[in-house]
Amino acid sequence: MRILGLDYGSRTVGAAVTDPLGLCAHGLEIIRRKEEGHLRGTLRRIEELICEYGAEAIVLGYPLNMDGTAGERAHLTEAFKETLERRTGLPVYLCDERLTTLEAEDIMLERGIRREDFHEHVDRIAAAVILEDWLNNDENSKLYR
């Protein structure tokens, strides 16, 4: 079973997918848009990825504040979750994404990616980190194994 992971931002969505067994994640791409509210092309590309990889669920990064509260960005993510569920018919699970961008930056530094080039990779890698975090949670692993 494959699961699609998404890191939803104001102008980008990082995408990752699990291997066919649903054991590990790898980054796919960054879906870019010009403005926050223009989601038609983004949703179309997500649907294409679902079909291409045969994804049966989506894990969506949930940007909570450091104190665990939900701010404006979290509320926008909740609305995006509802849109994804309606449009794809797949279950969408929220996964706390605090510090995933820092983890993605550490990964890029370890792999020798220059800081000037981070913007080309960070959202895709963060999506993979979010998906890996979700997979490594025992409660979530019971859902699909």
Protein backbone atom coordinates (compact mmCIF):
# COMPACT_ATOMS: atom_id res chain seq x y z
CA MET A 1 0.00 0.00 0.00
CA ARG A 2 1.28 3.43 -0.89
CA ILE A 3 0.63 6.63 1.03
CA LEU A 4 1.16 10.14 -0.30
CA GLY A 5 2.74 12.70 2.04
CA LEU A 6 2.20 16.42 1.59
CA ASP A 7 3.85 19.50 3.09
CA TYR A 8 1.29 22.24 2.38
CA GLY A 9 2.62 25.78 2.23
CA SER A 10 1.35 29.16 1.09
CA ARG A 11 2.87 28.82 -2.40
CA THR A 12 4.23 25.29 -2.53
CA VAL A 13 3.25 21.73 -1.70
CA GLY A 14 6.05 19.26 -1.14
CA ALA A 15 5.10 15.72 -2.13
CA ALA A 16 6.50 12.37 -1.01
CA VAL A 17 5.33 8.78 -1.33
CA THR A 18 5.96 5.52 0.47
CA ASP A 19 7.53 2.49 -1.14
CA PRO A 20 5.00 -0.17 -2.30
CA LEU A 21 5.06 -1.87 1.11
CA GLY A 22 4.40 1.37 2.98
CA LEU A 23 7.60 1.07 5.00
CA CYS A 24 9.63 4.15 4.06
CA ALA A 25 9.12 7.45 2.26
CA HIS A 26 10.96 9.34 -0.43
CA GLY A 27 10.44 12.84 -1.75
CA LEU A 28 8.87 13.28 -5.17
CA GLU A 29 8.54 16.93 -6.13
CA ILE A 30 7.49 20.43 -5.19
CA ILE A 31 4.20 21.67 -6.62
CA ARG A 32 4.39 25.45 -7.01
CA ARG A 33 1.66 28.05 -7.44
CA LYS A 34 1.65 31.83 -7.76
CA GLU A 35 -0.85 32.62 -5.02
CA GLU A 36 -2.21 31.03 -1.85
CA GLY A 37 -5.78 30.53 -2.98
CA HIS A 38 -5.07 29.22 -6.48
CA LEU A 39 -5.34 25.50 -5.78
CA ARG A 40 -6.89 24.11 -8.97
CA GLY A 41 -3.55 23.18 -10.57
CA THR A 42 -2.16 21.95 -7.26
CA LEU A 43 -5.13 19.66 -6.66
CA ARG A 44 -4.95 18.37 -10.23
CA ARG A 45 -1.26 17.47 -9.78
CA ILE A 46 -1.98 15.76 -6.44
CA GLU A 47 -4.68 13.67 -8.15
CA GLU A 48 -2.17 12.74 -10.87
CA LEU A 49 0.33 11.61 -8.22
CA ILE A 50 -2.36 9.55 -6.48
CA CYS A 51 -3.12 7.76 -9.75
CA GLU A 52 0.52 7.39 -10.78
CA TYR A 53 1.56 5.80 -7.48
CA GLY A 54 -1.71 4.12 -6.52
CA ALA A 55 -1.86 5.98 -3.21
CA GLU A 56 -4.63 4.84 -0.87
CA ALA A 57 -4.27 7.56 1.78
CA ILE A 58 -2.71 10.98 2.29
CA VAL A 59 -0.67 12.27 5.22
CA LEU A 60 -0.75 16.04 5.46
CA GLY A 61 1.70 18.04 7.55
CA TYR A 62 -0.10 19.93 10.32
CA PRO A 63 1.73 23.16 11.24
CA LEU A 64 1.02 23.58 14.93
CA ASN A 65 2.65 26.36 16.90
CA MET A 66 5.59 25.34 19.08
CA ASP A 67 3.27 25.38 22.13
CA GLY A 68 0.93 22.90 20.41
CA THR A 69 -1.84 25.36 19.58
CA ALA A 70 -3.37 25.73 16.13
CA GLY A 71 -2.80 29.09 14.46
CA GLU A 72 -3.91 30.54 11.13
CA ARG A 73 -1.67 28.26 9.05
CA ALA A 74 -3.09 25.19 10.84
CA HIS A 75 -6.64 26.33 10.11
CA LEU A 76 -5.77 26.76 6.40
CA THR A 77 -4.33 23.25 6.46
CA GLU A 78 -7.53 21.88 8.00
CA ALA A 79 -9.52 23.46 5.15
CA PHE A 80 -7.08 21.97 2.61
CA LYS A 81 -7.53 18.57 4.28
CA GLU A 82 -11.31 18.78 3.81
CA THR A 83 -10.84 19.79 0.17
CA LEU A 84 -8.50 16.84 -0.42
CA GLU A 85 -10.93 14.39 1.19
CA ARG A 86 -13.84 15.64 -0.92
CA ARG A 87 -11.88 15.77 -4.15
CA THR A 88 -9.92 12.50 -3.87
CA GLY A 89 -12.21 10.35 -1.74
CA LEU A 90 -9.15 9.20 0.22
CA PRO A 91 -8.61 9.39 3.97
CA VAL A 92 -6.35 12.32 4.90
CA TYR A 93 -4.41 12.14 8.17
CA LEU A 94 -2.83 15.15 9.85
CA CYS A 95 0.71 14.79 11.18
CA ASP A 96 2.39 17.32 13.46
CA GLU A 97 5.08 18.91 11.33
CA ARG A 98 6.87 21.00 13.94
CA LEU A 99 10.61 21.13 13.25
CA THR A 100 10.39 19.11 10.02
CA THR A 101 11.86 21.97 7.98
CA LEU A 102 14.88 22.05 10.31
CA GLU A 103 15.22 18.28 9.96
CA ALA A 104 15.00 18.62 6.17
CA GLU A 105 17.73 21.28 6.27
CA ASP A 106 19.94 18.97 8.34
CA ILE A 107 19.43 16.21 5.77
CA MET A 108 20.37 18.56 2.94
CA LEU A 109 23.52 19.70 4.75
CA GLU A 110 24.52 16.07 5.36
CA ARG A 111 24.11 15.37 1.65
CA GLY A 112 26.22 18.35 0.66
CA ILE A 113 23.46 20.53 -0.76
CA ARG A 114 24.44 24.18 -0.63
CA ARG A 115 22.24 26.50 1.43
CA GLU A 116 21.65 28.60 -1.70
CA ASP A 117 19.95 25.56 -3.23
CA PHE A 118 17.76 24.61 -0.25
CA HIS A 119 14.64 26.19 -1.80
CA GLU A 120 14.86 23.67 -4.66
CA HIS A 121 14.55 20.70 -2.28
CA VAL A 122 13.30 21.63 1.19
CA ASP A 123 9.54 21.13 0.72
CA ARG A 124 9.98 17.75 -0.99
CA ILE A 125 12.31 16.54 1.74
CA ALA A 126 10.07 17.95 4.49
CA ALA A 127 7.15 16.00 2.97
CA ALA A 128 9.23 12.82 3.22
CA VAL A 129 10.12 13.62 6.85
CA ILE A 130 6.45 14.20 7.70
CA LEU A 131 5.47 10.91 6.05
CA GLU A 132 8.30 9.02 7.80
CA ASP A 133 7.23 10.50 11.16
CA TRP A 134 3.67 9.35 10.54
CA LEU A 135 4.82 5.86 9.49
CA ASN A 136 6.98 5.54 12.60
CA ASN A 137 4.05 6.23 14.93
CA ASP A 138 2.81 2.87 16.21
CA GLU A 139 -0.85 3.90 16.17
CA ASN A 140 -0.64 4.92 12.51
CA SER A 141 1.24 1.82 11.45
CA LYS A 142 -1.68 -0.32 12.69
CA LEU A 143 -3.95 1.39 10.16
CA TYR A 144 -2.14 0.05 7.12
CA ARG A 145 -0.12 -3.00 8.08
